[in-house]
Every structure is written in structure tokens, then in C-alpha cells.
Amino acid sequence: PSGHHGDVDNELIRSLIEWLGETRPS
């Protein structure tokens, strides 16, 4: 939050959703 001041773009959100869907817990 200190780096984007509330702005997270849709492409990042989509990429993160996809990435999380392929992960496992540490």
C-alpha cells in the first residue's frame, strides 16, 4: 500500500488470481 496509493490495475489482479490458483501453501 505504500507503493501504489490504492491503485492496482486489472491486469495485475488477473495475473495474481491465476498465479494463486496454481499454488500450494509453504
mmCIF file of all heavy atoms, coordinates in Angstrom:
data_MODEL
# 
_entry.id   MODEL 
# 
loop_
_atom_site.group_PDB 
_atom_site.id 
_atom_site.type_symbol 
_atom_site.label_atom_id 
_atom_site.label_alt_id 
_atom_site.label_comp_id 
_atom_site.label_asym_id 
_atom_site.label_entity_id 
_atom_site.label_seq_id 
_atom_site.pdbx_PDB_ins_code 
_atom_site.Cartn_x 
_atom_site.Cartn_y 
_atom_site.Cartn_z 
_atom_site.occupancy 
_atom_site.B_iso_or_equiv 
_atom_site.pdbx_formal_charge 
_atom_site.auth_seq_id 
_atom_site.auth_comp_id 
_atom_site.auth_asym_id 
_atom_site.auth_atom_id 
_atom_site.pdbx_PDB_model_num 
ATOM 1   N N   . PRO A 1 1  ? 0.798   -1.232  0.000   1.00 0.00 ? 1  PRO A N   1 
ATOM 2   C CA  . PRO A 1 1  ? 0.000   0.000   0.000   1.00 0.00 ? 1  PRO A CA  1 
ATOM 3   C C   . PRO A 1 1  ? 0.829   1.280   0.000   1.00 0.00 ? 1  PRO A C   1 
ATOM 4   O O   . PRO A 1 1  ? 0.354   2.323   -0.430  1.00 0.00 ? 1  PRO A O   1 
ATOM 5   C CB  . PRO A 1 1  ? -0.847  -0.100  1.270   1.00 0.00 ? 1  PRO A CB  1 
ATOM 6   C CG  . PRO A 1 1  ? -0.263  -1.185  2.080   1.00 0.00 ? 1  PRO A CG  1 
ATOM 7   C CD  . PRO A 1 1  ? 0.578   -2.046  1.184   1.00 0.00 ? 1  PRO A CD  1 
ATOM 8   N N   . SER A 1 2  ? 2.065   1.211   0.423   1.00 0.00 ? 2  SER A N   1 
ATOM 9   C CA  . SER A 1 2  ? 2.878   2.423   0.412   1.00 0.00 ? 2  SER A CA  1 
ATOM 10  C C   . SER A 1 2  ? 3.394   2.726   -0.994  1.00 0.00 ? 2  SER A C   1 
ATOM 11  O O   . SER A 1 2  ? 3.828   3.842   -1.264  1.00 0.00 ? 2  SER A O   1 
ATOM 12  C CB  . SER A 1 2  ? 4.066   2.288   1.369   1.00 0.00 ? 2  SER A CB  1 
ATOM 13  O OG  . SER A 1 2  ? 4.952   1.274   0.931   1.00 0.00 ? 2  SER A OG  1 
ATOM 14  N N   . GLY A 1 3  ? 3.301   1.747   -1.892  1.00 0.00 ? 3  GLY A N   1 
ATOM 15  C CA  . GLY A 1 3  ? 3.838   1.948   -3.227  1.00 0.00 ? 3  GLY A CA  1 
ATOM 16  C C   . GLY A 1 3  ? 2.826   2.282   -4.303  1.00 0.00 ? 3  GLY A C   1 
ATOM 17  O O   . GLY A 1 3  ? 3.164   2.838   -5.331  1.00 0.00 ? 3  GLY A O   1 
ATOM 18  N N   . HIS A 1 4  ? 1.550   1.953   -4.091  1.00 0.00 ? 4  HIS A N   1 
ATOM 19  C CA  . HIS A 1 4  ? 0.590   2.162   -5.177  1.00 0.00 ? 4  HIS A CA  1 
ATOM 20  C C   . HIS A 1 4  ? -0.543  3.117   -4.832  1.00 0.00 ? 4  HIS A C   1 
ATOM 21  O O   . HIS A 1 4  ? -1.356  3.434   -5.677  1.00 0.00 ? 4  HIS A O   1 
ATOM 22  C CB  . HIS A 1 4  ? 0.008   0.828   -5.655  1.00 0.00 ? 4  HIS A CB  1 
ATOM 23  C CG  . HIS A 1 4  ? -0.765  0.088   -4.616  1.00 0.00 ? 4  HIS A CG  1 
ATOM 24  N ND1 . HIS A 1 4  ? -2.006  0.465   -4.208  1.00 0.00 ? 4  HIS A ND1 1 
ATOM 25  C CD2 . HIS A 1 4  ? -0.469  -1.020  -3.907  1.00 0.00 ? 4  HIS A CD2 1 
ATOM 26  C CE1 . HIS A 1 4  ? -2.447  -0.375  -3.296  1.00 0.00 ? 4  HIS A CE1 1 
ATOM 27  N NE2 . HIS A 1 4  ? -1.528  -1.285  -3.088  1.00 0.00 ? 4  HIS A NE2 1 
ATOM 28  N N   . HIS A 1 5  ? -0.600  3.554   -3.618  1.00 0.00 ? 5  HIS A N   1 
ATOM 29  C CA  . HIS A 1 5  ? -1.597  4.546   -3.213  1.00 0.00 ? 5  HIS A CA  1 
ATOM 30  C C   . HIS A 1 5  ? -3.022  4.131   -3.593  1.00 0.00 ? 5  HIS A C   1 
ATOM 31  O O   . HIS A 1 5  ? -3.820  4.945   -4.030  1.00 0.00 ? 5  HIS A O   1 
ATOM 32  C CB  . HIS A 1 5  ? -1.268  5.919   -3.795  1.00 0.00 ? 5  HIS A CB  1 
ATOM 33  C CG  . HIS A 1 5  ? 0.133   6.337   -3.510  1.00 0.00 ? 5  HIS A CG  1 
ATOM 34  N ND1 . HIS A 1 5  ? 0.557   6.663   -2.244  1.00 0.00 ? 5  HIS A ND1 1 
ATOM 35  C CD2 . HIS A 1 5  ? 1.215   6.431   -4.323  1.00 0.00 ? 5  HIS A CD2 1 
ATOM 36  C CE1 . HIS A 1 5  ? 1.843   6.967   -2.285  1.00 0.00 ? 5  HIS A CE1 1 
ATOM 37  N NE2 . HIS A 1 5  ? 2.273   6.838   -3.519  1.00 0.00 ? 5  HIS A NE2 1 
ATOM 38  N N   . GLY A 1 6  ? -3.310  2.834   -3.441  1.00 0.00 ? 6  GLY A N   1 
ATOM 39  C CA  . GLY A 1 6  ? -4.659  2.350   -3.686  1.00 0.00 ? 6  GLY A CA  1 
ATOM 40  C C   . GLY A 1 6  ? -4.941  1.893   -5.098  1.00 0.00 ? 6  GLY A C   1 
ATOM 41  O O   . GLY A 1 6  ? -5.997  1.348   -5.363  1.00 0.00 ? 6  GLY A O   1 
ATOM 42  N N   . ASP A 1 7  ? -4.018  2.109   -6.019  1.00 0.00 ? 7  ASP A N   1 
ATOM 43  C CA  . ASP A 1 7  ? -4.257  1.743   -7.408  1.00 0.00 ? 7  ASP A CA  1 
ATOM 44  C C   . ASP A 1 7  ? -3.553  0.438   -7.762  1.00 0.00 ? 7  ASP A C   1 
ATOM 45  O O   . ASP A 1 7  ? -2.324  0.375   -7.770  1.00 0.00 ? 7  ASP A O   1 
ATOM 46  C CB  . ASP A 1 7  ? -3.752  2.836   -8.360  1.00 0.00 ? 7  ASP A CB  1 
ATOM 47  C CG  . ASP A 1 7  ? -4.519  4.133   -8.179  1.00 0.00 ? 7  ASP A CG  1 
ATOM 48  O OD1 . ASP A 1 7  ? -5.709  4.061   -7.851  1.00 0.00 ? 7  ASP A OD1 1 
ATOM 49  O OD2 . ASP A 1 7  ? -3.923  5.205   -8.369  1.00 0.00 ? 7  ASP A OD2 1 
ATOM 50  N N   . VAL A 1 8  ? -4.338  -0.596  -8.020  1.00 0.00 ? 8  VAL A N   1 
ATOM 51  C CA  . VAL A 1 8  ? -3.816  -1.871  -8.503  1.00 0.00 ? 8  VAL A CA  1 
ATOM 52  C C   . VAL A 1 8  ? -4.579  -2.160  -9.784  1.00 0.00 ? 8  VAL A C   1 
ATOM 53  O O   . VAL A 1 8  ? -5.808  -2.204  -9.786  1.00 0.00 ? 8  VAL A O   1 
ATOM 54  C CB  . VAL A 1 8  ? -4.019  -2.998  -7.467  1.00 0.00 ? 8  VAL A CB  1 
ATOM 55  C CG1 . VAL A 1 8  ? -3.554  -4.326  -8.008  1.00 0.00 ? 8  VAL A CG1 1 
ATOM 56  C CG2 . VAL A 1 8  ? -3.291  -2.666  -6.168  1.00 0.00 ? 8  VAL A CG2 1 
ATOM 57  N N   . ASP A 1 9  ? -3.859  -2.328  -10.886 1.00 0.00 ? 9  ASP A N   1 
ATOM 58  C CA  . ASP A 1 9  ? -4.562  -2.464  -12.160 1.00 0.00 ? 9  ASP A CA  1 
ATOM 59  C C   . ASP A 1 9  ? -5.159  -3.858  -12.361 1.00 0.00 ? 9  ASP A C   1 
ATOM 60  O O   . ASP A 1 9  ? -4.778  -4.830  -11.708 1.00 0.00 ? 9  ASP A O   1 
ATOM 61  C CB  . ASP A 1 9  ? -3.679  -2.047  -13.338 1.00 0.00 ? 9  ASP A CB  1 
ATOM 62  C CG  . ASP A 1 9  ? -2.531  -2.995  -13.634 1.00 0.00 ? 9  ASP A CG  1 
ATOM 63  O OD1 . ASP A 1 9  ? -2.564  -4.152  -13.194 1.00 0.00 ? 9  ASP A OD1 1 
ATOM 64  O OD2 . ASP A 1 9  ? -1.608  -2.575  -14.340 1.00 0.00 ? 9  ASP A OD2 1 
ATOM 65  N N   . ASN A 1 10 ? -6.129  -3.921  -13.253 1.00 0.00 ? 10 ASN A N   1 
ATOM 66  C CA  . ASN A 1 10 ? -6.861  -5.156  -13.502 1.00 0.00 ? 10 ASN A CA  1 
ATOM 67  C C   . ASN A 1 10 ? -5.960  -6.279  -13.995 1.00 0.00 ? 10 ASN A C   1 
ATOM 68  O O   . ASN A 1 10 ? -6.177  -7.443  -13.654 1.00 0.00 ? 10 ASN A O   1 
ATOM 69  C CB  . ASN A 1 10 ? -7.986  -4.915  -14.511 1.00 0.00 ? 10 ASN A CB  1 
ATOM 70  C CG  . ASN A 1 10 ? -9.120  -4.109  -13.922 1.00 0.00 ? 10 ASN A CG  1 
ATOM 71  O OD1 . ASN A 1 10 ? -9.219  -3.938  -12.709 1.00 0.00 ? 10 ASN A OD1 1 
ATOM 72  N ND2 . ASN A 1 10 ? -9.986  -3.593  -14.776 1.00 0.00 ? 10 ASN A ND2 1 
ATOM 73  N N   . GLU A 1 11 ? -4.949  -5.967  -14.779 1.00 0.00 ? 11 GLU A N   1 
ATOM 74  C CA  . GLU A 1 11 ? -4.039  -6.999  -15.291 1.00 0.00 ? 11 GLU A CA  1 
ATOM 75  C C   . GLU A 1 11 ? -3.286  -7.670  -14.142 1.00 0.00 ? 11 GLU A C   1 
ATOM 76  O O   . GLU A 1 11 ? -3.133  -8.886  -14.119 1.00 0.00 ? 11 GLU A O   1 
ATOM 77  C CB  . GLU A 1 11 ? -3.059  -6.388  -16.300 1.00 0.00 ? 11 GLU A CB  1 
ATOM 78  C CG  . GLU A 1 11 ? -2.154  -7.418  -16.949 1.00 0.00 ? 11 GLU A CG  1 
ATOM 79  C CD  . GLU A 1 11 ? -2.914  -8.502  -17.711 1.00 0.00 ? 11 GLU A CD  1 
ATOM 80  O OE1 . GLU A 1 11 ? -3.965  -8.201  -18.306 1.00 0.00 ? 11 GLU A OE1 1 
ATOM 81  O OE2 . GLU A 1 11 ? -2.448  -9.661  -17.695 1.00 0.00 ? 11 GLU A OE2 1 
ATOM 82  N N   . LEU A 1 12 ? -2.840  -6.870  -13.194 1.00 0.00 ? 12 LEU A N   1 
ATOM 83  C CA  . LEU A 1 12 ? -2.159  -7.429  -12.025 1.00 0.00 ? 12 LEU A CA  1 
ATOM 84  C C   . LEU A 1 12 ? -3.107  -8.329  -11.244 1.00 0.00 ? 12 LEU A C   1 
ATOM 85  O O   . LEU A 1 12 ? -2.731  -9.427  -10.825 1.00 0.00 ? 12 LEU A O   1 
ATOM 86  C CB  . LEU A 1 12 ? -1.627  -6.322  -11.119 1.00 0.00 ? 12 LEU A CB  1 
ATOM 87  C CG  . LEU A 1 12 ? -1.036  -6.863  -9.818  1.00 0.00 ? 12 LEU A CG  1 
ATOM 88  C CD1 . LEU A 1 12 ? 0.395   -7.307  -10.023 1.00 0.00 ? 12 LEU A CD1 1 
ATOM 89  C CD2 . LEU A 1 12 ? -1.164  -5.884  -8.702  1.00 0.00 ? 12 LEU A CD2 1 
ATOM 90  N N   . ILE A 1 13 ? -4.328  -7.877  -11.045 1.00 0.00 ? 13 ILE A N   1 
ATOM 91  C CA  . ILE A 1 13 ? -5.317  -8.666  -10.302 1.00 0.00 ? 13 ILE A CA  1 
ATOM 92  C C   . ILE A 1 13 ? -5.561  -9.997  -11.000 1.00 0.00 ? 13 ILE A C   1 
ATOM 93  O O   . ILE A 1 13 ? -5.544  -11.056 -10.368 1.00 0.00 ? 13 ILE A O   1 
ATOM 94  C CB  . ILE A 1 13 ? -6.629  -7.872  -10.128 1.00 0.00 ? 13 ILE A CB  1 
ATOM 95  C CG1 . ILE A 1 13 ? -6.394  -6.700  -9.172  1.00 0.00 ? 13 ILE A CG1 1 
ATOM 96  C CG2 . ILE A 1 13 ? -7.752  -8.772  -9.626  1.00 0.00 ? 13 ILE A CG2 1 
ATOM 97  C CD1 . ILE A 1 13 ? -7.545  -5.722  -9.078  1.00 0.00 ? 13 ILE A CD1 1 
ATOM 98  N N   . ARG A 1 14 ? -5.752  -9.957  -12.306 1.00 0.00 ? 14 ARG A N   1 
ATOM 99  C CA  . ARG A 1 14 ? -5.977  -11.203 -13.053 1.00 0.00 ? 14 ARG A CA  1 
ATOM 100 C C   . ARG A 1 14 ? -4.768  -12.135 -12.970 1.00 0.00 ? 14 ARG A C   1 
ATOM 101 O O   . ARG A 1 14 ? -4.915  -13.348 -12.793 1.00 0.00 ? 14 ARG A O   1 
ATOM 102 C CB  . ARG A 1 14 ? -6.315  -10.891 -14.504 1.00 0.00 ? 14 ARG A CB  1 
ATOM 103 C CG  . ARG A 1 14 ? -7.690  -10.297 -14.679 1.00 0.00 ? 14 ARG A CG  1 
ATOM 104 C CD  . ARG A 1 14 ? -8.037  -10.094 -16.157 1.00 0.00 ? 14 ARG A CD  1 
ATOM 105 N NE  . ARG A 1 14 ? -9.310  -9.461  -16.298 1.00 0.00 ? 14 ARG A NE  1 
ATOM 106 C CZ  . ARG A 1 14 ? -9.484  -8.159  -16.538 1.00 0.00 ? 14 ARG A CZ  1 
ATOM 107 N NH1 . ARG A 1 14 ? -8.447  -7.365  -16.698 1.00 0.00 ? 14 ARG A NH1 1 
ATOM 108 N NH2 . ARG A 1 14 ? -10.692 -7.649  -16.634 1.00 0.00 ? 14 ARG A NH2 1 
ATOM 109 N N   . SER A 1 15 ? -3.586  -11.579 -13.099 1.00 0.00 ? 15 SER A N   1 
ATOM 110 C CA  . SER A 1 15 ? -2.357  -12.385 -13.019 1.00 0.00 ? 15 SER A CA  1 
ATOM 111 C C   . SER A 1 15 ? -2.211  -13.022 -11.641 1.00 0.00 ? 15 SER A C   1 
ATOM 112 O O   . SER A 1 15 ? -1.829  -14.190 -11.521 1.00 0.00 ? 15 SER A O   1 
ATOM 113 C CB  . SER A 1 15 ? -1.129  -11.526 -13.305 1.00 0.00 ? 15 SER A CB  1 
ATOM 114 O OG  . SER A 1 15 ? -1.135  -11.054 -14.614 1.00 0.00 ? 15 SER A OG  1 
ATOM 115 N N   . LEU A 1 16 ? -2.512  -12.258 -10.608 1.00 0.00 ? 16 LEU A N   1 
ATOM 116 C CA  . LEU A 1 16 ? -2.395  -12.776 -9.248  1.00 0.00 ? 16 LEU A CA  1 
ATOM 117 C C   . LEU A 1 16 ? -3.417  -13.884 -8.998  1.00 0.00 ? 16 LEU A C   1 
ATOM 118 O O   . LEU A 1 16 ? -3.091  -14.905 -8.392  1.00 0.00 ? 16 LEU A O   1 
ATOM 119 C CB  . LEU A 1 16 ? -2.550  -11.648 -8.235  1.00 0.00 ? 16 LEU A CB  1 
ATOM 120 C CG  . LEU A 1 16 ? -2.402  -12.028 -6.759  1.00 0.00 ? 16 LEU A CG  1 
ATOM 121 C CD1 . LEU A 1 16 ? -1.109  -12.786 -6.487  1.00 0.00 ? 16 LEU A CD1 1 
ATOM 122 C CD2 . LEU A 1 16 ? -2.495  -10.777 -5.892  1.00 0.00 ? 16 LEU A CD2 1 
ATOM 123 N N   . ILE A 1 17 ? -4.642  -13.709 -9.470  1.00 0.00 ? 17 ILE A N   1 
ATOM 124 C CA  . ILE A 1 17 ? -5.662  -14.749 -9.318  1.00 0.00 ? 17 ILE A CA  1 
ATOM 125 C C   . ILE A 1 17 ? -5.197  -16.031 -10.001 1.00 0.00 ? 17 ILE A C   1 
ATOM 126 O O   . ILE A 1 17 ? -5.287  -17.127 -9.429  1.00 0.00 ? 17 ILE A O   1 
ATOM 127 C CB  . ILE A 1 17 ? -7.024  -14.278 -9.869  1.00 0.00 ? 17 ILE A CB  1 
ATOM 128 C CG1 . ILE A 1 17 ? -7.632  -13.204 -8.964  1.00 0.00 ? 17 ILE A CG1 1 
ATOM 129 C CG2 . ILE A 1 17 ? -7.988  -15.461 -10.020 1.00 0.00 ? 17 ILE A CG2 1 
ATOM 130 C CD1 . ILE A 1 17 ? -8.849  -12.509 -9.538  1.00 0.00 ? 17 ILE A CD1 1 
ATOM 131 N N   . GLU A 1 18 ? -4.694  -15.907 -11.211 1.00 0.00 ? 18 GLU A N   1 
ATOM 132 C CA  . GLU A 1 18 ? -4.210  -17.078 -11.945 1.00 0.00 ? 18 GLU A CA  1 
ATOM 133 C C   . GLU A 1 18 ? -3.050  -17.746 -11.199 1.00 0.00 ? 18 GLU A C   1 
ATOM 134 O O   . GLU A 1 18 ? -3.013  -18.967 -11.044 1.00 0.00 ? 18 GLU A O   1 
ATOM 135 C CB  . GLU A 1 18 ? -3.771  -16.663 -13.346 1.00 0.00 ? 18 GLU A CB  1 
ATOM 136 C CG  . GLU A 1 18 ? -3.300  -17.822 -14.190 1.00 0.00 ? 18 GLU A CG  1 
ATOM 137 C CD  . GLU A 1 18 ? -2.888  -17.377 -15.584 1.00 0.00 ? 18 GLU A CD  1 
ATOM 138 O OE1 . GLU A 1 18 ? -3.353  -16.325 -16.065 1.00 0.00 ? 18 GLU A OE1 1 
ATOM 139 O OE2 . GLU A 1 18 ? -2.080  -18.097 -16.190 1.00 0.00 ? 18 GLU A OE2 1 
ATOM 140 N N   . TRP A 1 19 ? -2.098  -16.943 -10.750 1.00 0.00 ? 19 TRP A N   1 
ATOM 141 C CA  . TRP A 1 19 ? -0.929  -17.467 -10.054 1.00 0.00 ? 19 TRP A CA  1 
ATOM 142 C C   . TRP A 1 19 ? -1.327  -18.171 -8.760  1.00 0.00 ? 19 TRP A C   1 
ATOM 143 O O   . TRP A 1 19 ? -0.857  -19.281 -8.479  1.00 0.00 ? 19 TRP A O   1 
ATOM 144 C CB  . TRP A 1 19 ? 0.029   -16.312 -9.773  1.00 0.00 ? 19 TRP A CB  1 
ATOM 145 C CG  . TRP A 1 19 ? 1.348   -16.709 -9.184  1.00 0.00 ? 19 TRP A CG  1 
ATOM 146 C CD1 . TRP A 1 19 ? 2.404   -17.275 -9.830  1.00 0.00 ? 19 TRP A CD1 1 
ATOM 147 C CD2 . TRP A 1 19 ? 1.748   -16.536 -7.825  1.00 0.00 ? 19 TRP A CD2 1 
ATOM 148 N NE1 . TRP A 1 19 ? 3.440   -17.459 -8.953  1.00 0.00 ? 19 TRP A NE1 1 
ATOM 149 C CE2 . TRP A 1 19 ? 3.066   -17.011 -7.712  1.00 0.00 ? 19 TRP A CE2 1 
ATOM 150 C CE3 . TRP A 1 19 ? 1.127   -16.005 -6.702  1.00 0.00 ? 19 TRP A CE3 1 
ATOM 151 C CZ2 . TRP A 1 19 ? 3.768   -16.986 -6.517  1.00 0.00 ? 19 TRP A CZ2 1 
ATOM 152 C CZ3 . TRP A 1 19 ? 1.832   -15.975 -5.510  1.00 0.00 ? 19 TRP A CZ3 1 
ATOM 153 C CH2 . TRP A 1 19 ? 3.135   -16.464 -5.425  1.00 0.00 ? 19 TRP A CH2 1 
ATOM 154 N N   . LEU A 1 20 ? -2.207  -17.551 -7.968  1.00 0.00 ? 20 LEU A N   1 
ATOM 155 C CA  . LEU A 1 20 ? -2.645  -18.172 -6.719  1.00 0.00 ? 20 LEU A CA  1 
ATOM 156 C C   . LEU A 1 20 ? -3.359  -19.496 -6.966  1.00 0.00 ? 20 LEU A C   1 
ATOM 157 O O   . LEU A 1 20 ? -3.240  -20.426 -6.164  1.00 0.00 ? 20 LEU A O   1 
ATOM 158 C CB  . LEU A 1 20 ? -3.570  -17.229 -5.942  1.00 0.00 ? 20 LEU A CB  1 
ATOM 159 C CG  . LEU A 1 20 ? -2.895  -16.082 -5.210  1.00 0.00 ? 20 LEU A CG  1 
ATOM 160 C CD1 . LEU A 1 20 ? -3.948  -15.124 -4.657  1.00 0.00 ? 20 LEU A CD1 1 
ATOM 161 C CD2 . LEU A 1 20 ? -1.984  -16.595 -4.098  1.00 0.00 ? 20 LEU A CD2 1 
ATOM 162 N N   . GLY A 1 21 ? -4.085  -19.584 -8.074  1.00 0.00 ? 21 GLY A N   1 
ATOM 163 C CA  . GLY A 1 21 ? -4.804  -20.804 -8.395  1.00 0.00 ? 21 GLY A CA  1 
ATOM 164 C C   . GLY A 1 21 ? -3.897  -21.989 -8.663  1.00 0.00 ? 21 GLY A C   1 
ATOM 165 O O   . GLY A 1 21 ? -4.335  -23.147 -8.617  1.00 0.00 ? 21 GLY A O   1 
ATOM 166 N N   . GLU A 1 22 ? -2.626  -21.726 -8.901  1.00 0.00 ? 22 GLU A N   1 
ATOM 167 C CA  . GLU A 1 22 ? -1.668  -22.792 -9.208  1.00 0.00 ? 22 GLU A CA  1 
ATOM 168 C C   . GLU A 1 22 ? -0.676  -23.024 -8.071  1.00 0.00 ? 22 GLU A C   1 
ATOM 169 O O   . GLU A 1 22 ? 0.341   -23.679 -8.260  1.00 0.00 ? 22 GLU A O   1 
ATOM 170 C CB  . GLU A 1 22 ? -0.902  -22.419 -10.476 1.00 0.00 ? 22 GLU A CB  1 
ATOM 171 C CG  . GLU A 1 22 ? -1.801  -22.268 -11.687 1.00 0.00 ? 22 GLU A CG  1 
ATOM 172 C CD  . GLU A 1 22 ? -1.074  -21.686 -12.889 1.00 0.00 ? 22 GLU A CD  1 
ATOM 173 O OE1 . GLU A 1 22 ? 0.116   -21.332 -12.779 1.00 0.00 ? 22 GLU A OE1 1 
ATOM 174 O OE2 . GLU A 1 22 ? -1.722  -21.577 -13.939 1.00 0.00 ? 22 GLU A OE2 1 
ATOM 175 N N   . THR A 1 23 ? -0.974  -22.505 -6.894  1.00 0.00 ? 23 THR A N   1 
ATOM 176 C CA  . THR A 1 23 ? -0.015  -22.569 -5.801  1.00 0.00 ? 23 THR A CA  1 
ATOM 177 C C   . THR A 1 23 ? -0.390  -23.597 -4.753  1.00 0.00 ? 23 THR A C   1 
ATOM 178 O O   . THR A 1 23 ? -1.469  -24.175 -4.773  1.00 0.00 ? 23 THR A O   1 
ATOM 179 C CB  . THR A 1 23 ? 0.105   -21.193 -5.108  1.00 0.00 ? 23 THR A CB  1 
ATOM 180 O OG1 . THR A 1 23 ? -1.164  -20.854 -4.539  1.00 0.00 ? 23 THR A OG1 1 
ATOM 181 C CG2 . THR A 1 23 ? 0.570   -20.123 -6.069  1.00 0.00 ? 23 THR A CG2 1 
ATOM 182 N N   . ARG A 1 24 ? 0.532   -23.766 -3.828  1.00 0.00 ? 24 ARG A N   1 
ATOM 183 C CA  . ARG A 1 24 ? 0.316   -24.593 -2.648  1.00 0.00 ? 24 ARG A CA  1 
ATOM 184 C C   . ARG A 1 24 ? 0.834   -23.797 -1.455  1.00 0.00 ? 24 ARG A C   1 
ATOM 185 O O   . ARG A 1 24 ? 1.607   -22.860 -1.623  1.00 0.00 ? 24 ARG A O   1 
ATOM 186 C CB  . ARG A 1 24 ? 1.046   -25.912 -2.774  1.00 0.00 ? 24 ARG A CB  1 
ATOM 187 C CG  . ARG A 1 24 ? 2.562   -25.757 -2.801  1.00 0.00 ? 24 ARG A CG  1 
ATOM 188 C CD  . ARG A 1 24 ? 3.276   -27.085 -2.643  1.00 0.00 ? 24 ARG A CD  1 
ATOM 189 N NE  . ARG A 1 24 ? 4.708   -26.898 -2.565  1.00 0.00 ? 24 ARG A NE  1 
ATOM 190 C CZ  . ARG A 1 24 ? 5.379   -26.522 -1.482  1.00 0.00 ? 24 ARG A CZ  1 
ATOM 191 N NH1 . ARG A 1 24 ? 4.736   -26.265 -0.375  1.00 0.00 ? 24 ARG A NH1 1 
ATOM 192 N NH2 . ARG A 1 24 ? 6.684   -26.388 -1.492  1.00 0.00 ? 24 ARG A NH2 1 
ATOM 193 N N   . PRO A 1 25 ? 0.449   -24.193 -0.243  1.00 0.00 ? 25 PRO A N   1 
ATOM 194 C CA  . PRO A 1 25 ? 0.951   -23.464 0.921   1.00 0.00 ? 25 PRO A CA  1 
ATOM 195 C C   . PRO A 1 25 ? 2.412   -23.808 1.189   1.00 0.00 ? 25 PRO A C   1 
ATOM 196 O O   . PRO A 1 25 ? 2.863   -24.920 0.917   1.00 0.00 ? 25 PRO A O   1 
ATOM 197 C CB  . PRO A 1 25 ? 0.054   -23.956 2.060   1.00 0.00 ? 25 PRO A CB  1 
ATOM 198 C CG  . PRO A 1 25 ? -0.366  -25.327 1.640   1.00 0.00 ? 25 PRO A CG  1 
ATOM 199 C CD  . PRO A 1 25 ? -0.471  -25.264 0.140   1.00 0.00 ? 25 PRO A CD  1 
ATOM 200 N N   . SER A 1 26 ? 3.136   -22.854 1.714   1.00 0.00 ? 26 SER A N   1 
ATOM 201 C CA  . SER A 1 26 ? 4.512   -23.135 2.139   1.00 0.00 ? 26 SER A CA  1 
ATOM 202 C C   . SER A 1 26 ? 4.462   -23.956 3.430   1.00 0.00 ? 26 SER A C   1 
ATOM 203 O O   . SER A 1 26 ? 3.459   -23.956 4.142   1.00 0.00 ? 26 SER A O   1 
ATOM 204 C CB  . SER A 1 26 ? 5.267   -21.834 2.385   1.00 0.00 ? 26 SER A CB  1 
ATOM 205 O OG  . SER A 1 26 ? 4.702   -21.147 3.487   1.00 0.00 ? 26 SER A OG  1 
# 
